[in-house]
Amino acid sequence: MPLIPEEPQIHESAQGPRATPSAGRTAPTPRPVPGPRPAAQPRPGRPGPARPAPPAQRASRESVPAKPAPARPTAPAASATPQIQLVPASADGALDAAEEAVDLLLESGRAPGDVLVITTGGSHPWAAHELSFGEASYWAQHDARDDVFYADAAVASRATSRPVVVVAVNGGPEAAGATALSLAHAKADALLVVCGDPQQINSVLGAAV
């Protein structure tokens, strides 16, 4: 019987000291309040609203250069004039010089369908051979644009423009040569190669261009 009253006294003394440290732990918890710390963060954020003001000024500056934009269409006008190259050659050697010029163009990466060859005198052997099968098949190859096309100055007006036009001044009257050169100049999109007598070509180009 004396053992019973001793047990509750042991439990009460154990609970007493445990409650006191727990109360001491709860006291420091309210001190580190996270509330004031986030209040310090909005301070660097205050210069943020001041930033939208300068973009408004930039928009006004961008509106000014928008006006000269229509000036861009002037660029293609410069590319409308083809580059002209003169290859000195006699009337008898102009056709061979034109063939060499075509070979160099193809070796440099030009597609065969990009090249048109015009002769002022005798016809190119290829043109004479293809015309023997009829004009329909001859001009069908022109429309296909699969290979270099050769045409006499008399029928060259029917040919469409191509990036490169090679003219072989291999004879014919000077008036016909001038007409062929002016026609070739109009049909050449990027490059015009003229093979013939430099003096004759210079005089003709001065009147043709």
C-alpha atoms as a PDB file:
ATOM      1  CA  MET A   1       0.000   0.000   0.000  1.00  0.00           C
ATOM      2  CA  PRO A   2       2.783   2.581   0.608  1.00  0.00           C
ATOM      3  CA  LEU A   3       3.933   2.001  -2.988  1.00  0.00           C
ATOM      4  CA  ILE A   4       0.818   3.537  -4.544  1.00  0.00           C
ATOM      5  CA  PRO A   5       1.228   7.124  -3.253  1.00  0.00           C
ATOM      6  CA  GLU A   6       4.907   7.176  -4.342  1.00  0.00           C
ATOM      7  CA  GLU A   7       4.139   6.559  -8.033  1.00  0.00           C
ATOM      8  CA  PRO A   8       1.945   9.650  -8.619  1.00  0.00           C
ATOM      9  CA  GLN A   9       4.544  11.873  -7.012  1.00  0.00           C
ATOM     10  CA  ILE A  10       7.215  10.640  -9.450  1.00  0.00           C
ATOM     11  CA  HIS A  11       4.994  11.355 -12.474  1.00  0.00           C
ATOM     12  CA  GLU A  12       4.053  14.830 -11.297  1.00  0.00           C
ATOM     13  CA  SER A  13       7.672  15.837 -10.750  1.00  0.00           C
ATOM     14  CA  ALA A  14       8.546  14.553 -14.255  1.00  0.00           C
ATOM     15  CA  GLN A  15       5.769  16.580 -15.889  1.00  0.00           C
ATOM     16  CA  GLY A  16       6.684  19.782 -14.034  1.00  0.00           C
ATOM     17  CA  PRO A  17      10.201  20.278 -15.419  1.00  0.00           C
ATOM     18  CA  ARG A  18       9.154  19.211 -18.970  1.00  0.00           C
ATOM     19  CA  ALA A  19       6.466  21.892 -19.134  1.00  0.00           C
ATOM     20  CA  THR A  20       8.903  24.649 -18.189  1.00  0.00           C
ATOM     21  CA  PRO A  21      11.404  24.067 -21.041  1.00  0.00           C
ATOM     22  CA  SER A  22       8.572  23.836 -23.554  1.00  0.00           C
ATOM     23  CA  ALA A  23       7.332  27.217 -22.418  1.00  0.00           C
ATOM     24  CA  GLY A  24      10.830  28.625 -22.809  1.00  0.00           C
ATOM     25  CA  ARG A  25      11.016  27.369 -26.422  1.00  0.00           C
ATOM     26  CA  THR A  26       7.733  28.979 -27.436  1.00  0.00           C
ATOM     27  CA  ALA A  27       8.955  32.418 -26.338  1.00  0.00           C
ATOM     28  CA  PRO A  28      11.785  32.810 -28.922  1.00  0.00           C
ATOM     29  CA  THR A  29       9.584  31.711 -31.828  1.00  0.00           C
ATOM     30  CA  PRO A  30       7.571  34.964 -32.069  1.00  0.00           C
ATOM     31  CA  ARG A  31      10.738  37.078 -32.084  1.00  0.00           C
ATOM     32  CA  PRO A  32      12.049  36.073 -35.565  1.00  0.00           C
ATOM     33  CA  VAL A  33       9.013  37.348 -37.441  1.00  0.00           C
ATOM     34  CA  PRO A  34       9.480  36.879 -41.237  1.00  0.00           C
ATOM     35  CA  GLY A  35       7.106  39.769 -41.879  1.00  0.00           C
ATOM     36  CA  PRO A  36       9.602  42.698 -41.719  1.00  0.00           C
ATOM     37  CA  ARG A  37      12.162  40.941 -43.983  1.00  0.00           C
ATOM     38  CA  PRO A  38       9.963  40.781 -47.088  1.00  0.00           C
ATOM     39  CA  ALA A  39       9.215  44.440 -46.448  1.00  0.00           C
ATOM     40  CA  ALA A  40      12.880  45.192 -47.243  1.00  0.00           C
ATOM     41  CA  GLN A  41      12.638  43.404 -50.626  1.00  0.00           C
ATOM     42  CA  PRO A  42      10.073  45.745 -52.187  1.00  0.00           C
ATOM     43  CA  ARG A  43      12.579  48.593 -51.838  1.00  0.00           C
ATOM     44  CA  PRO A  44      14.730  47.440 -54.771  1.00  0.00           C
ATOM     45  CA  GLY A  45      11.493  46.875 -56.621  1.00  0.00           C
ATOM     46  CA  ARG A  46      10.563  50.560 -56.408  1.00  0.00           C
ATOM     47  CA  PRO A  47      12.889  51.612 -59.233  1.00  0.00           C
ATOM     48  CA  GLY A  48      10.986  49.083 -61.342  1.00  0.00           C
ATOM     49  CA  PRO A  49       7.984  51.359 -61.969  1.00  0.00           C
ATOM     50  CA  ALA A  50      10.365  54.118 -63.046  1.00  0.00           C
ATOM     51  CA  ARG A  51      11.577  51.903 -65.952  1.00  0.00           C
ATOM     52  CA  PRO A  52       8.345  52.000 -67.963  1.00  0.00           C
ATOM     53  CA  ALA A  53       8.901  55.748 -68.439  1.00  0.00           C
ATOM     54  CA  PRO A  54      12.000  55.430 -70.754  1.00  0.00           C
ATOM     55  CA  PRO A  55      10.404  52.823 -73.073  1.00  0.00           C
ATOM     56  CA  ALA A  56       7.770  55.394 -73.905  1.00  0.00           C
ATOM     57  CA  GLN A  57      10.545  57.673 -75.162  1.00  0.00           C
ATOM     58  CA  ARG A  58      12.097  54.869 -77.215  1.00  0.00           C
ATOM     59  CA  ALA A  59       8.804  54.211 -78.928  1.00  0.00           C
ATOM     60  CA  SER A  60       8.703  57.825 -80.039  1.00  0.00           C
ATOM     61  CA  ARG A  61      12.212  57.526 -81.453  1.00  0.00           C
ATOM     62  CA  GLU A  62      11.355  54.347 -83.327  1.00  0.00           C
ATOM     63  CA  SER A  63       8.418  56.013 -84.962  1.00  0.00           C
ATOM     64  CA  VAL A  64      10.744  58.545 -86.579  1.00  0.00           C
ATOM     65  CA  PRO A  65      12.895  56.072 -88.603  1.00  0.00           C
ATOM     66  CA  ALA A  66       9.753  54.294 -89.754  1.00  0.00           C
ATOM     67  CA  LYS A  67       9.210  57.134 -92.246  1.00  0.00           C
ATOM     68  CA  PRO A  68      12.351  56.532 -94.365  1.00  0.00           C
ATOM     69  CA  ALA A  69      11.408  52.838 -94.758  1.00  0.00           C
ATOM     70  CA  PRO A  70       9.843  53.406 -98.211  1.00  0.00           C
ATOM     71  CA  ALA A  71      13.301  54.427 -99.426  1.00  0.00           C
ATOM     72  CA  ARG A  72      14.285  50.729 -99.599  1.00  0.00           C
ATOM     73  CA  PRO A  73      12.649  50.094-103.010  1.00  0.00           C
ATOM     74  CA  THR A  74      15.430  52.200-104.518  1.00  0.00           C
ATOM     75  CA  ALA A  75      17.907  49.308-104.010  1.00  0.00           C
ATOM     76  CA  PRO A  76      16.570  47.034-106.787  1.00  0.00           C
ATOM     77  CA  ALA A  77      17.033  49.855-109.261  1.00  0.00           C
ATOM     78  CA  ALA A  78      20.822  49.539-108.876  1.00  0.00           C
ATOM     79  CA  SER A  79      20.721  45.781-109.626  1.00  0.00           C
ATOM     80  CA  ALA A  80      18.755  46.390-112.859  1.00  0.00           C
ATOM     81  CA  THR A  81      21.984  47.363-114.684  1.00  0.00           C
ATOM     82  CA  PRO A  82      24.040  44.275-115.583  1.00  0.00           C
ATOM     83  CA  GLN A  83      27.792  44.141-115.303  1.00  0.00           C
ATOM     84  CA  ILE A  84      29.551  44.360-118.680  1.00  0.00           C
ATOM     85  CA  GLN A  85      32.697  42.427-119.564  1.00  0.00           C
ATOM     86  CA  LEU A  86      34.618  42.873-122.828  1.00  0.00           C
ATOM     87  CA  VAL A  87      36.588  39.979-124.328  1.00  0.00           C
ATOM     88  CA  PRO A  88      38.890  41.168-127.129  1.00  0.00           C
ATOM     89  CA  ALA A  89      38.577  38.954-130.203  1.00  0.00           C
ATOM     90  CA  SER A  90      38.542  39.262-133.970  1.00  0.00           C
ATOM     91  CA  ALA A  91      35.388  38.694-135.959  1.00  0.00           C
ATOM     92  CA  ASP A  92      36.648  35.229-136.889  1.00  0.00           C
ATOM     93  CA  GLY A  93      37.573  34.335-133.310  1.00  0.00           C
ATOM     94  CA  ALA A  94      34.578  35.939-131.547  1.00  0.00           C
ATOM     95  CA  LEU A  95      32.574  32.693-131.644  1.00  0.00           C
ATOM     96  CA  ASP A  96      35.425  30.707-130.079  1.00  0.00           C
ATOM     97  CA  ALA A  97      35.888  33.429-127.448  1.00  0.00           C
ATOM     98  CA  ALA A  98      32.188  33.224-126.632  1.00  0.00           C
ATOM     99  CA  GLU A  99      32.475  29.442-126.222  1.00  0.00           C
ATOM    100  CA  GLU A 100      35.389  29.908-123.813  1.00  0.00           C
ATOM    101  CA  ALA A 101      33.381  32.491-121.873  1.00  0.00           C
ATOM    102  CA  VAL A 102      30.472  30.056-121.583  1.00  0.00           C
ATOM    103  CA  ASP A 103      32.813  27.309-120.354  1.00  0.00           C
ATOM    104  CA  LEU A 104      34.219  29.628-117.693  1.00  0.00           C
ATOM    105  CA  LEU A 105      30.715  30.586-116.581  1.00  0.00           C
ATOM    106  CA  LEU A 106      29.671  26.965-116.216  1.00  0.00           C
ATOM    107  CA  GLU A 107      32.874  26.099-114.359  1.00  0.00           C
ATOM    108  CA  SER A 108      32.263  28.982-111.958  1.00  0.00           C
ATOM    109  CA  GLY A 109      28.906  27.468-110.983  1.00  0.00           C
ATOM    110  CA  ARG A 110      26.473  29.075-113.404  1.00  0.00           C
ATOM    111  CA  ALA A 111      23.611  26.836-114.464  1.00  0.00           C
ATOM    112  CA  PRO A 112      23.460  26.160-118.227  1.00  0.00           C
ATOM    113  CA  GLY A 113      19.904  27.465-118.343  1.00  0.00           C
ATOM    114  CA  ASP A 114      21.125  30.849-117.061  1.00  0.00           C
ATOM    115  CA  VAL A 115      23.140  31.595-120.213  1.00  0.00           C
ATOM    116  CA  LEU A 116      21.952  33.015-123.537  1.00  0.00           C
ATOM    117  CA  VAL A 117      24.389  33.405-126.454  1.00  0.00           C
ATOM    118  CA  ILE A 118      23.641  35.832-129.288  1.00  0.00           C
ATOM    119  CA  THR A 119      25.622  35.944-132.533  1.00  0.00           C
ATOM    120  CA  THR A 120      25.697  39.001-134.817  1.00  0.00           C
ATOM    121  CA  GLY A 121      27.069  37.228-137.895  1.00  0.00           C
ATOM    122  CA  GLY A 122      26.913  33.538-138.758  1.00  0.00           C
ATOM    123  CA  SER A 123      24.720  31.258-136.683  1.00  0.00           C
ATOM    124  CA  HIS A 124      26.215  29.100-133.957  1.00  0.00           C
ATOM    125  CA  PRO A 125      26.575  25.459-135.089  1.00  0.00           C
ATOM    126  CA  TRP A 126      24.198  24.343-132.314  1.00  0.00           C
ATOM    127  CA  ALA A 127      21.498  26.770-133.436  1.00  0.00           C
ATOM    128  CA  ALA A 128      21.899  25.759-137.073  1.00  0.00           C
ATOM    129  CA  HIS A 129      21.635  22.078-136.124  1.00  0.00           C
ATOM    130  CA  GLU A 130      18.555  22.508-133.913  1.00  0.00           C
ATOM    131  CA  LEU A 131      16.771  24.690-136.454  1.00  0.00           C
ATOM    132  CA  SER A 132      17.131  21.880-138.965  1.00  0.00           C
ATOM    133  CA  PHE A 133      14.495  20.000-136.934  1.00  0.00           C
ATOM    134  CA  GLY A 134      12.082  22.933-137.086  1.00  0.00           C
ATOM    135  CA  GLU A 135      11.502  26.113-135.152  1.00  0.00           C
ATOM    136  CA  ALA A 136       8.981  24.442-132.838  1.00  0.00           C
ATOM    137  CA  SER A 137      11.538  22.066-131.329  1.00  0.00           C
ATOM    138  CA  TYR A 138      14.184  24.808-131.358  1.00  0.00           C
ATOM    139  CA  TRP A 139      12.111  27.242-129.284  1.00  0.00           C
ATOM    140  CA  ALA A 140      10.828  24.404-127.105  1.00  0.00           C
ATOM    141  CA  GLN A 141      14.385  23.966-125.866  1.00  0.00           C
ATOM    142  CA  HIS A 142      14.515  27.686-125.174  1.00  0.00           C
ATOM    143  CA  ASP A 143      11.360  27.490-123.065  1.00  0.00           C
ATOM    144  CA  ALA A 144      12.671  24.446-121.170  1.00  0.00           C
ATOM    145  CA  ARG A 145      15.713  26.452-119.991  1.00  0.00           C
ATOM    146  CA  ASP A 146      17.673  23.250-119.439  1.00  0.00           C
ATOM    147  CA  ASP A 147      20.786  24.244-121.390  1.00  0.00           C
ATOM    148  CA  VAL A 148      22.668  27.152-122.931  1.00  0.00           C
ATOM    149  CA  PHE A 149      20.572  28.656-125.714  1.00  0.00           C
ATOM    150  CA  TYR A 150      22.095  30.071-128.898  1.00  0.00           C
ATOM    151  CA  ALA A 151      20.230  32.534-131.079  1.00  0.00           C
ATOM    152  CA  ASP A 152      20.971  34.806-134.008  1.00  0.00           C
ATOM    153  CA  ALA A 153      20.586  38.530-133.493  1.00  0.00           C
ATOM    154  CA  ALA A 154      17.697  38.505-135.967  1.00  0.00           C
ATOM    155  CA  VAL A 155      15.558  36.264-133.734  1.00  0.00           C
ATOM    156  CA  ALA A 156      17.060  37.096-130.324  1.00  0.00           C
ATOM    157  CA  SER A 157      14.197  39.462-129.545  1.00  0.00           C
ATOM    158  CA  ARG A 158      11.999  36.391-129.085  1.00  0.00           C
ATOM    159  CA  ALA A 159      14.275  35.022-126.363  1.00  0.00           C
ATOM    160  CA  THR A 160      13.456  35.776-122.752  1.00  0.00           C
ATOM    161  CA  SER A 161      15.864  37.463-120.355  1.00  0.00           C
ATOM    162  CA  ARG A 162      18.462  35.388-118.539  1.00  0.00           C
ATOM    163  CA  PRO A 163      20.977  36.114-115.779  1.00  0.00           C
ATOM    164  CA  VAL A 164      23.897  36.039-118.258  1.00  0.00           C
ATOM    165  CA  VAL A 165      23.961  37.009-121.936  1.00  0.00           C
ATOM    166  CA  VAL A 166      27.036  36.422-124.108  1.00  0.00           C
ATOM    167  CA  VAL A 167      27.321  38.270-127.422  1.00  0.00           C
ATOM    168  CA  ALA A 168      29.689  37.093-130.164  1.00  0.00           C
ATOM    169  CA  VAL A 169      30.349  39.975-132.550  1.00  0.00           C
ATOM    170  CA  ASN A 170      31.336  37.597-135.348  1.00  0.00           C
ATOM    171  CA  GLY A 171      30.433  39.807-138.294  1.00  0.00           C
ATOM    172  CA  GLY A 172      27.396  41.484-139.722  1.00  0.00           C
ATOM    173  CA  PRO A 173      26.756  45.199-140.267  1.00  0.00           C
ATOM    174  CA  GLU A 174      27.557  47.600-137.448  1.00  0.00           C
ATOM    175  CA  ALA A 175      23.926  48.691-137.218  1.00  0.00           C
ATOM    176  CA  ALA A 176      22.875  45.082-136.628  1.00  0.00           C
ATOM    177  CA  GLY A 177      25.621  44.736-134.025  1.00  0.00           C
ATOM    178  CA  ALA A 178      24.427  47.840-132.202  1.00  0.00           C
ATOM    179  CA  THR A 179      20.873  46.497-132.185  1.00  0.00           C
ATOM    180  CA  ALA A 180      22.066  43.111-130.903  1.00  0.00           C
ATOM    181  CA  LEU A 181      24.083  44.705-128.113  1.00  0.00           C
ATOM    182  CA  SER A 182      21.242  46.922-126.953  1.00  0.00           C
ATOM    183  CA  LEU A 183      18.932  43.907-127.006  1.00  0.00           C
ATOM    184  CA  ALA A 184      21.450  41.781-125.119  1.00  0.00           C
ATOM    185  CA  HIS A 185      21.913  44.538-122.549  1.00  0.00           C
ATOM    186  CA  ALA A 186      18.161  44.598-121.935  1.00  0.00           C
ATOM    187  CA  LYS A 187      17.932  40.805-121.587  1.00  0.00           C
ATOM    188  CA  ALA A 188      20.926  40.366-119.269  1.00  0.00           C
ATOM    189  CA  ASP A 189      19.824  40.389-115.637  1.00  0.00           C
ATOM    190  CA  ALA A 190      23.270  40.225-114.015  1.00  0.00           C
ATOM    191  CA  LEU A 191      26.116  39.934-116.545  1.00  0.00           C
ATOM    192  CA  LEU A 192      26.710  40.862-120.189  1.00  0.00           C
ATOM    193  CA  VAL A 193      29.799  39.419-121.893  1.00  0.00           C
ATOM    194  CA  VAL A 194      30.720  40.853-125.304  1.00  0.00           C
ATOM    195  CA  CYS A 195      33.344  39.114-127.449  1.00  0.00           C
ATOM    196  CA  GLY A 196      34.741  41.063-130.412  1.00  0.00           C
ATOM    197  CA  ASP A 197      36.847  44.004-131.525  1.00  0.00           C
ATOM    198  CA  PRO A 198      37.286  46.317-128.500  1.00  0.00           C
ATOM    199  CA  GLN A 199      37.163  49.509-130.589  1.00  0.00           C
ATOM    200  CA  GLN A 200      34.000  48.434-132.353  1.00  0.00           C
ATOM    201  CA  ILE A 201      32.395  47.262-129.110  1.00  0.00           C
ATOM    202  CA  ASN A 202      33.217  50.491-127.275  1.00  0.00           C
ATOM    203  CA  SER A 203      31.684  52.608-130.025  1.00  0.00           C
ATOM    204  CA  VAL A 204      28.623  50.369-130.201  1.00  0.00           C
ATOM    205  CA  LEU A 205      28.156  50.182-126.435  1.00  0.00           C
ATOM    206  CA  GLY A 206      28.335  53.940-126.203  1.00  0.00           C
ATOM    207  CA  ALA A 207      25.308  54.135-128.462  1.00  0.00           C
ATOM    208  CA  ALA A 208      23.543  51.032-127.149  1.00  0.00           C
ATOM    209  CA  VAL A 209      23.711  51.556-123.368  1.00  0.00           C
END
